[in-house]
Amino acid sequence: MKKVETVDALKQVYQKESYVLLKHSITCPISAEAYSETEAFSKDSDIPVYYLNVQELREGANDAADHFGIKHESPQAFLVHNQQLIWNDSHWRVTKKNLQEQVSQLS
């Protein structure tokens, strides 16, 4: 997983064809679990995975919600394919299994 540390870096991620983006809170236990699940997914996947910490990059967290046209939540994961939002979910539904299921439908 690659950490997104600036809004400019986030905007570069938006230009990628396919990726997973995770927004997470460094102080929330639910977010910690979503991070662990996403990290486990990333180890078994060829799709690039990026994450940002909402406390460290609040502007980026809000920008991602605006970019995808959905309400900001944390933790929150996005699956983008062919530069289109395919799936997003939040909280306890951000799991390795759910990410794998969504990515498997891309084929």
N, C-alpha and C. Protein backbone atom coordinates (compact mmCIF):
# COMPACT_ATOMS: atom_id res chain seq x y z
N MET A 1 0.85 -1.17 0.00
CA MET A 1 0.00 0.00 0.00
C MET A 1 0.89 1.23 0.00
N LYS A 2 0.43 2.22 -0.73
CA LYS A 2 1.19 3.46 -0.83
C LYS A 2 0.40 4.59 -0.16
N LYS A 3 1.08 5.32 0.70
CA LYS A 3 0.44 6.41 1.41
C LYS A 3 0.37 7.65 0.52
N VAL A 4 -0.79 8.28 0.51
CA VAL A 4 -0.99 9.54 -0.19
C VAL A 4 -0.83 10.64 0.85
N GLU A 5 0.14 11.54 0.61
CA GLU A 5 0.45 12.54 1.64
C GLU A 5 0.09 13.96 1.26
N THR A 6 -0.28 14.19 0.00
CA THR A 6 -0.64 15.54 -0.43
C THR A 6 -1.86 15.46 -1.35
N VAL A 7 -2.55 16.58 -1.48
CA VAL A 7 -3.69 16.64 -2.40
C VAL A 7 -3.20 16.46 -3.83
N ASP A 8 -2.03 17.02 -4.15
CA ASP A 8 -1.48 16.84 -5.50
C ASP A 8 -1.23 15.36 -5.79
N ALA A 9 -0.71 14.64 -4.82
CA ALA A 9 -0.48 13.20 -5.00
C ALA A 9 -1.81 12.46 -5.17
N LEU A 10 -2.83 12.89 -4.43
CA LEU A 10 -4.16 12.30 -4.55
C LEU A 10 -4.72 12.52 -5.96
N LYS A 11 -4.54 13.71 -6.48
CA LYS A 11 -5.02 14.02 -7.83
C LYS A 11 -4.29 13.17 -8.88
N GLN A 12 -3.05 12.81 -8.60
CA GLN A 12 -2.33 11.91 -9.51
C GLN A 12 -2.92 10.50 -9.44
N VAL A 13 -3.35 10.08 -8.25
CA VAL A 13 -3.99 8.77 -8.11
C VAL A 13 -5.27 8.74 -8.95
N TYR A 14 -6.04 9.83 -8.92
CA TYR A 14 -7.28 9.90 -9.70
C TYR A 14 -7.05 9.62 -11.19
N GLN A 15 -5.85 9.92 -11.67
CA GLN A 15 -5.55 9.74 -13.09
C GLN A 15 -5.22 8.28 -13.45
N LYS A 16 -5.01 7.45 -12.44
CA LYS A 16 -4.70 6.05 -12.70
C LYS A 16 -5.94 5.36 -13.25
N GLU A 17 -5.72 4.32 -14.03
CA GLU A 17 -6.84 3.62 -14.64
C GLU A 17 -7.62 2.80 -13.62
N SER A 18 -6.92 2.07 -12.77
CA SER A 18 -7.57 1.21 -11.78
C SER A 18 -6.79 1.27 -10.48
N TYR A 19 -7.52 1.27 -9.36
CA TYR A 19 -6.87 1.31 -8.06
C TYR A 19 -7.91 1.16 -6.95
N VAL A 20 -7.42 0.92 -5.75
CA VAL A 20 -8.22 0.98 -4.53
C VAL A 20 -7.67 2.14 -3.72
N LEU A 21 -8.57 2.94 -3.17
CA LEU A 21 -8.19 4.04 -2.29
C LEU A 21 -8.91 3.85 -0.97
N LEU A 22 -8.17 3.90 0.13
CA LEU A 22 -8.73 3.79 1.47
C LEU A 22 -8.51 5.09 2.22
N LYS A 23 -9.59 5.63 2.76
CA LYS A 23 -9.48 6.77 3.68
C LYS A 23 -9.66 6.19 5.07
N HIS A 24 -8.73 6.50 5.97
CA HIS A 24 -8.89 5.96 7.32
C HIS A 24 -8.42 6.94 8.37
N SER A 25 -8.96 6.73 9.55
CA SER A 25 -8.64 7.55 10.71
C SER A 25 -7.59 6.83 11.55
N ILE A 26 -6.57 7.55 11.94
CA ILE A 26 -5.51 6.94 12.73
C ILE A 26 -5.89 6.79 14.21
N THR A 27 -7.08 7.26 14.59
CA THR A 27 -7.49 7.16 16.00
C THR A 27 -8.70 6.26 16.21
N CYS A 28 -9.21 5.65 15.16
CA CYS A 28 -10.45 4.88 15.25
C CYS A 28 -10.17 3.38 15.14
N PRO A 29 -10.65 2.57 16.09
CA PRO A 29 -10.42 1.13 16.02
C PRO A 29 -11.08 0.46 14.80
N ILE A 30 -12.22 0.97 14.37
CA ILE A 30 -12.87 0.42 13.17
C ILE A 30 -11.98 0.69 11.96
N SER A 31 -11.43 1.88 11.91
CA SER A 31 -10.52 2.25 10.83
C SER A 31 -9.26 1.39 10.85
N ALA A 32 -8.76 1.10 12.02
CA ALA A 32 -7.57 0.26 12.13
C ALA A 32 -7.85 -1.12 11.55
N GLU A 33 -9.03 -1.65 11.80
CA GLU A 33 -9.41 -2.95 11.24
C GLU A 33 -9.54 -2.87 9.72
N ALA A 34 -10.18 -1.81 9.22
CA ALA A 34 -10.32 -1.63 7.77
C ALA A 34 -8.94 -1.51 7.12
N TYR A 35 -8.03 -0.82 7.77
CA TYR A 35 -6.67 -0.69 7.25
C TYR A 35 -6.00 -2.06 7.16
N SER A 36 -6.12 -2.86 8.22
CA SER A 36 -5.52 -4.20 8.23
C SER A 36 -6.11 -5.08 7.14
N GLU A 37 -7.42 -5.00 6.95
CA GLU A 37 -8.09 -5.79 5.91
C GLU A 37 -7.63 -5.35 4.52
N THR A 38 -7.52 -4.05 4.32
CA THR A 38 -7.09 -3.53 3.02
C THR A 38 -5.63 -3.87 2.77
N GLU A 39 -4.82 -3.81 3.79
CA GLU A 39 -3.41 -4.19 3.66
C GLU A 39 -3.29 -5.67 3.29
N ALA A 40 -4.08 -6.52 3.92
CA ALA A 40 -4.06 -7.95 3.58
C ALA A 40 -4.50 -8.16 2.13
N PHE A 41 -5.52 -7.43 1.70
CA PHE A 41 -5.96 -7.50 0.31
C PHE A 41 -4.83 -7.10 -0.63
N SER A 42 -4.13 -6.03 -0.29
CA SER A 42 -3.09 -5.50 -1.18
C SER A 42 -1.95 -6.49 -1.39
N LYS A 43 -1.69 -7.33 -0.40
CA LYS A 43 -0.60 -8.30 -0.51
C LYS A 43 -0.92 -9.41 -1.51
N ASP A 44 -2.20 -9.64 -1.76
CA ASP A 44 -2.62 -10.71 -2.67
C ASP A 44 -3.18 -10.18 -3.98
N SER A 45 -3.04 -8.89 -4.23
CA SER A 45 -3.69 -8.30 -5.40
C SER A 45 -2.69 -7.59 -6.30
N ASP A 46 -3.02 -7.57 -7.58
CA ASP A 46 -2.19 -6.84 -8.54
C ASP A 46 -2.64 -5.39 -8.70
N ILE A 47 -3.82 -5.07 -8.20
CA ILE A 47 -4.34 -3.71 -8.35
C ILE A 47 -3.65 -2.80 -7.33
N PRO A 48 -3.21 -1.62 -7.74
CA PRO A 48 -2.55 -0.71 -6.80
C PRO A 48 -3.51 -0.27 -5.68
N VAL A 49 -2.97 -0.17 -4.48
CA VAL A 49 -3.76 0.24 -3.32
C VAL A 49 -3.08 1.45 -2.68
N TYR A 50 -3.88 2.49 -2.47
CA TYR A 50 -3.42 3.74 -1.86
C TYR A 50 -4.25 4.01 -0.62
N TYR A 51 -3.68 4.74 0.31
CA TYR A 51 -4.44 5.13 1.49
C TYR A 51 -4.04 6.54 1.92
N LEU A 52 -4.97 7.16 2.62
CA LEU A 52 -4.66 8.45 3.24
C LEU A 52 -5.24 8.48 4.64
N ASN A 53 -4.55 9.17 5.51
CA ASN A 53 -5.01 9.37 6.88
C ASN A 53 -5.84 10.65 6.92
N VAL A 54 -7.09 10.54 7.37
CA VAL A 54 -7.97 11.70 7.32
C VAL A 54 -7.51 12.82 8.24
N GLN A 55 -6.87 12.51 9.35
CA GLN A 55 -6.40 13.57 10.24
C GLN A 55 -5.22 14.32 9.63
N GLU A 56 -4.38 13.63 8.90
CA GLU A 56 -3.19 14.24 8.32
C GLU A 56 -3.47 14.93 6.99
N LEU A 57 -4.53 14.49 6.32
CA LEU A 57 -4.84 15.05 5.00
C LEU A 57 -6.34 15.28 4.89
N ARG A 58 -6.86 16.11 5.78
CA ARG A 58 -8.30 16.39 5.82
C ARG A 58 -8.80 16.92 4.47
N GLU A 59 -8.03 17.82 3.88
CA GLU A 59 -8.42 18.37 2.58
C GLU A 59 -8.53 17.27 1.53
N GLY A 60 -7.62 16.30 1.58
CA GLY A 60 -7.67 15.18 0.65
C GLY A 60 -8.86 14.27 0.90
N ALA A 61 -9.19 14.04 2.16
CA ALA A 61 -10.36 13.21 2.49
C ALA A 61 -11.62 13.84 1.94
N ASN A 62 -11.74 15.14 2.11
CA ASN A 62 -12.91 15.85 1.57
C ASN A 62 -12.89 15.87 0.05
N ASP A 63 -11.70 16.04 -0.53
CA ASP A 63 -11.58 16.07 -1.98
C ASP A 63 -12.00 14.73 -2.59
N ALA A 64 -11.63 13.63 -1.95
CA ALA A 64 -12.01 12.30 -2.47
C ALA A 64 -13.53 12.16 -2.47
N ALA A 65 -14.18 12.58 -1.40
CA ALA A 65 -15.64 12.51 -1.35
C ALA A 65 -16.25 13.36 -2.47
N ASP A 66 -15.74 14.55 -2.65
CA ASP A 66 -16.24 15.43 -3.72
C ASP A 66 -15.94 14.84 -5.10
N HIS A 67 -14.73 14.32 -5.28
CA HIS A 67 -14.33 13.77 -6.57
C HIS A 67 -15.26 12.64 -7.00
N PHE A 68 -15.61 11.78 -6.05
CA PHE A 68 -16.46 10.63 -6.36
C PHE A 68 -17.95 10.93 -6.18
N GLY A 69 -18.26 12.11 -5.67
CA GLY A 69 -19.66 12.51 -5.52
C GLY A 69 -20.42 11.72 -4.47
N ILE A 70 -19.72 11.37 -3.38
CA ILE A 70 -20.37 10.62 -2.31
C ILE A 70 -20.03 11.24 -0.96
N LYS A 71 -20.83 10.90 0.03
CA LYS A 71 -20.64 11.41 1.39
C LYS A 71 -19.33 10.89 1.98
N HIS A 72 -18.60 11.77 2.66
CA HIS A 72 -17.36 11.38 3.35
C HIS A 72 -17.69 10.49 4.54
N GLU A 73 -16.97 9.38 4.62
CA GLU A 73 -17.02 8.51 5.80
C GLU A 73 -15.60 8.04 6.06
N SER A 74 -15.39 7.52 7.25
CA SER A 74 -14.08 7.00 7.59
C SER A 74 -14.25 5.88 8.60
N PRO A 75 -13.72 4.71 8.30
CA PRO A 75 -12.97 4.35 7.10
C PRO A 75 -13.90 4.22 5.89
N GLN A 76 -13.30 4.40 4.73
CA GLN A 76 -14.06 4.32 3.48
C GLN A 76 -13.11 3.86 2.38
N ALA A 77 -13.58 2.88 1.61
CA ALA A 77 -12.76 2.35 0.51
C ALA A 77 -13.46 2.57 -0.81
N PHE A 78 -12.66 2.82 -1.83
CA PHE A 78 -13.14 3.04 -3.19
C PHE A 78 -12.42 2.07 -4.12
N LEU A 79 -13.16 1.48 -5.03
CA LEU A 79 -12.57 0.69 -6.11
C LEU A 79 -12.85 1.43 -7.41
N VAL A 80 -11.79 1.78 -8.12
CA VAL A 80 -11.90 2.50 -9.38
C VAL A 80 -11.34 1.60 -10.47
N HIS A 81 -12.07 1.52 -11.58
CA HIS A 81 -11.64 0.74 -12.73
C HIS A 81 -11.98 1.53 -13.98
N ASN A 82 -11.01 1.65 -14.89
CA ASN A 82 -11.18 2.48 -16.09
C ASN A 82 -11.61 3.90 -15.71
N GLN A 83 -11.02 4.39 -14.63
CA GLN A 83 -11.27 5.73 -14.09
C GLN A 83 -12.74 5.97 -13.70
N GLN A 84 -13.46 4.89 -13.44
CA GLN A 84 -14.85 4.99 -13.00
C GLN A 84 -14.98 4.35 -11.62
N LEU A 85 -15.73 4.99 -10.74
CA LEU A 85 -15.99 4.42 -9.42
C LEU A 85 -16.88 3.20 -9.61
N ILE A 86 -16.38 2.05 -9.23
CA ILE A 86 -17.10 0.79 -9.37
C ILE A 86 -17.81 0.43 -8.07
N TRP A 87 -17.15 0.70 -6.96
CA TRP A 87 -17.68 0.28 -5.65
C TRP A 87 -17.08 1.17 -4.58
N ASN A 88 -17.86 1.41 -3.55
CA ASN A 88 -17.32 2.04 -2.35
C ASN A 88 -18.13 1.53 -1.18
N ASP A 89 -17.49 1.48 -0.03
CA ASP A 89 -18.18 1.09 1.18
C ASP A 89 -17.40 1.62 2.36
N SER A 90 -17.96 1.44 3.54
CA SER A 90 -17.31 2.03 4.71
C SER A 90 -17.45 1.12 5.94
N HIS A 91 -16.74 1.51 6.95
CA HIS A 91 -16.75 0.90 8.26
C HIS A 91 -16.46 -0.61 8.19
N TRP A 92 -17.27 -1.42 8.85
CA TRP A 92 -16.99 -2.86 8.96
C TRP A 92 -17.08 -3.59 7.62
N ARG A 93 -17.61 -2.94 6.60
CA ARG A 93 -17.74 -3.60 5.29
C ARG A 93 -16.47 -3.46 4.44
N VAL A 94 -15.49 -2.75 4.96
CA VAL A 94 -14.20 -2.66 4.26
C VAL A 94 -13.37 -3.86 4.73
N THR A 95 -13.49 -4.95 3.96
CA THR A 95 -12.81 -6.19 4.31
C THR A 95 -12.04 -6.73 3.11
N LYS A 96 -11.08 -7.58 3.40
CA LYS A 96 -10.32 -8.24 2.33
C LYS A 96 -11.28 -8.99 1.43
N LYS A 97 -12.21 -9.73 2.03
CA LYS A 97 -13.16 -10.53 1.26
C LYS A 97 -14.00 -9.65 0.34
N ASN A 98 -14.53 -8.55 0.85
CA ASN A 98 -15.35 -7.67 0.02
C ASN A 98 -14.53 -7.05 -1.11
N LEU A 99 -13.32 -6.65 -0.81
CA LEU A 99 -12.46 -6.09 -1.86
C LEU A 99 -12.16 -7.15 -2.93
N GLN A 100 -11.85 -8.37 -2.50
CA GLN A 100 -11.57 -9.43 -3.45
C GLN A 100 -12.80 -9.72 -4.32
N GLU A 101 -13.96 -9.76 -3.71
CA GLU A 101 -15.20 -10.01 -4.47
C GLU A 101 -15.43 -8.93 -5.51
N GLN A 102 -15.23 -7.69 -5.15
CA GLN A 102 -15.45 -6.59 -6.07
C GLN A 102 -14.44 -6.62 -7.23
N VAL A 103 -13.18 -6.87 -6.90
CA VAL A 103 -12.14 -6.91 -7.93
C VAL A 103 -12.36 -8.10 -8.86
N SER A 104 -12.82 -9.22 -8.31
CA SER A 104 -13.05 -10.40 -9.14
C SER A 104 -14.13 -10.17 -10.19
N GLN A 105 -15.03 -9.25 -9.94
CA GLN A 105 -16.10 -8.95 -10.88
C GLN A 105 -15.61 -8.08 -12.05
N LEU A 106 -14.40 -7.57 -11.96
CA LEU A 106 -13.85 -6.73 -13.02
C LEU A 106 -13.46 -7.55 -14.25
N SER A 107 -13.18 -8.82 -14.05
CA SER A 107 -12.72 -9.67 -15.15
C SER A 107 -13.84 -10.04 -16.10
